[in-house]
């Protein structure tokens, strides 16, 4: 099996990984109640998605 001839230094390894970073989730306003929610998901505060009621929130 193939294996590296020289050890890759930490700085070289970390330079390659500079673009691996977490990004904040994209939020949009709910069309029914106006609360911020994740895209393509039902609103946790009112339970609506695409203009239809998906569930009734508990509180």
C-alpha atoms as a PDB file:
ATOM      1  CA  UNK A   1       0.000   0.000   0.000  1.00  0.00           C
ATOM      2  CA  UNK A   2       1.084   3.560  -0.648  1.00  0.00           C
ATOM      3  CA  UNK A   3       2.158   5.714   2.276  1.00  0.00           C
ATOM      4  CA  UNK A   4       3.576   9.206   2.616  1.00  0.00           C
ATOM      5  CA  UNK A   5       7.333   9.532   2.350  1.00  0.00           C
ATOM      6  CA  UNK A   6       7.503  12.585   4.657  1.00  0.00           C
ATOM      7  CA  UNK A   7       5.334  13.667   7.546  1.00  0.00           C
ATOM      8  CA  UNK A   8       3.063  16.629   6.757  1.00  0.00           C
ATOM      9  CA  UNK A   9       3.730  19.467   9.193  1.00  0.00           C
ATOM     10  CA  UNK A  10       0.986  20.917  11.384  1.00  0.00           C
ATOM     11  CA  UNK A  11       1.173  24.279   9.649  1.00  0.00           C
ATOM     12  CA  UNK A  12       0.799  22.684   6.218  1.00  0.00           C
ATOM     13  CA  UNK A  13      -2.121  20.558   7.420  1.00  0.00           C
ATOM     14  CA  UNK A  14      -3.800  23.565   9.042  1.00  0.00           C
ATOM     15  CA  UNK A  15      -3.338  25.710   5.919  1.00  0.00           C
ATOM     16  CA  UNK A  16      -5.384  23.149   4.015  1.00  0.00           C
ATOM     17  CA  UNK A  17      -8.122  23.250   6.644  1.00  0.00           C
ATOM     18  CA  UNK A  18      -8.544  27.040   6.793  1.00  0.00           C
ATOM     19  CA  UNK A  19     -11.778  26.859   4.812  1.00  0.00           C
ATOM     20  CA  UNK A  20     -13.388  24.256   7.108  1.00  0.00           C
ATOM     21  CA  UNK A  21     -15.504  26.490   9.280  1.00  0.00           C
ATOM     22  CA  UNK A  22     -18.989  26.494  10.650  1.00  0.00           C
ATOM     23  CA  UNK A  23     -21.471  28.880   9.101  1.00  0.00           C
ATOM     24  CA  UNK A  24     -24.500  30.399  10.773  1.00  0.00           C
ATOM     25  CA  UNK A  25     -27.827  28.872   9.707  1.00  0.00           C
ATOM     26  CA  UNK A  26     -29.876  30.932   7.269  1.00  0.00           C
ATOM     27  CA  UNK A  27     -32.997  32.301   8.917  1.00  0.00           C
ATOM     28  CA  UNK A  28     -36.074  33.831   7.299  1.00  0.00           C
ATOM     29  CA  UNK A  29     -39.185  35.440   8.682  1.00  0.00           C
ATOM     30  CA  UNK A  30     -42.276  33.246   8.930  1.00  0.00           C
ATOM     31  CA  UNK A  31     -44.919  34.382   6.438  1.00  0.00           C
ATOM     32  CA  UNK A  32     -47.691  33.689   8.969  1.00  0.00           C
ATOM     33  CA  UNK A  33     -46.433  35.113  12.287  1.00  0.00           C
ATOM     34  CA  UNK A  34     -43.216  36.935  11.366  1.00  0.00           C
ATOM     35  CA  UNK A  35     -40.946  34.999  13.766  1.00  0.00           C
ATOM     36  CA  UNK A  36     -37.509  33.939  12.527  1.00  0.00           C
ATOM     37  CA  UNK A  37     -37.305  30.286  11.441  1.00  0.00           C
ATOM     38  CA  UNK A  38     -35.011  27.915   9.576  1.00  0.00           C
ATOM     39  CA  UNK A  39     -35.564  27.644   5.813  1.00  0.00           C
ATOM     40  CA  UNK A  40     -37.656  24.712   4.524  1.00  0.00           C
ATOM     41  CA  UNK A  41     -38.973  23.899   8.000  1.00  0.00           C
ATOM     42  CA  UNK A  42     -42.246  24.517   9.791  1.00  0.00           C
ATOM     43  CA  UNK A  43     -42.292  27.536  12.090  1.00  0.00           C
ATOM     44  CA  UNK A  44     -41.760  26.405  15.702  1.00  0.00           C
ATOM     45  CA  UNK A  45     -43.865  29.242  17.128  1.00  0.00           C
ATOM     46  CA  UNK A  46     -47.025  28.975  15.001  1.00  0.00           C
ATOM     47  CA  UNK A  47     -46.661  25.576  13.258  1.00  0.00           C
ATOM     48  CA  UNK A  48     -47.209  26.865   9.720  1.00  0.00           C
ATOM     49  CA  UNK A  49     -45.243  25.898   6.601  1.00  0.00           C
ATOM     50  CA  UNK A  50     -45.996  27.101   3.048  1.00  0.00           C
ATOM     51  CA  UNK A  51     -49.227  28.738   4.213  1.00  0.00           C
ATOM     52  CA  UNK A  52     -50.648  25.569   5.783  1.00  0.00           C
ATOM     53  CA  UNK A  53     -50.859  24.466   9.395  1.00  0.00           C
ATOM     54  CA  UNK A  54     -48.557  21.478   9.956  1.00  0.00           C
ATOM     55  CA  UNK A  55     -48.941  21.133  13.723  1.00  0.00           C
ATOM     56  CA  UNK A  56     -50.299  22.976  16.716  1.00  0.00           C
ATOM     57  CA  UNK A  57     -47.524  24.239  19.012  1.00  0.00           C
ATOM     58  CA  UNK A  58     -47.717  23.083  22.622  1.00  0.00           C
ATOM     59  CA  UNK A  59     -47.350  26.452  24.328  1.00  0.00           C
END
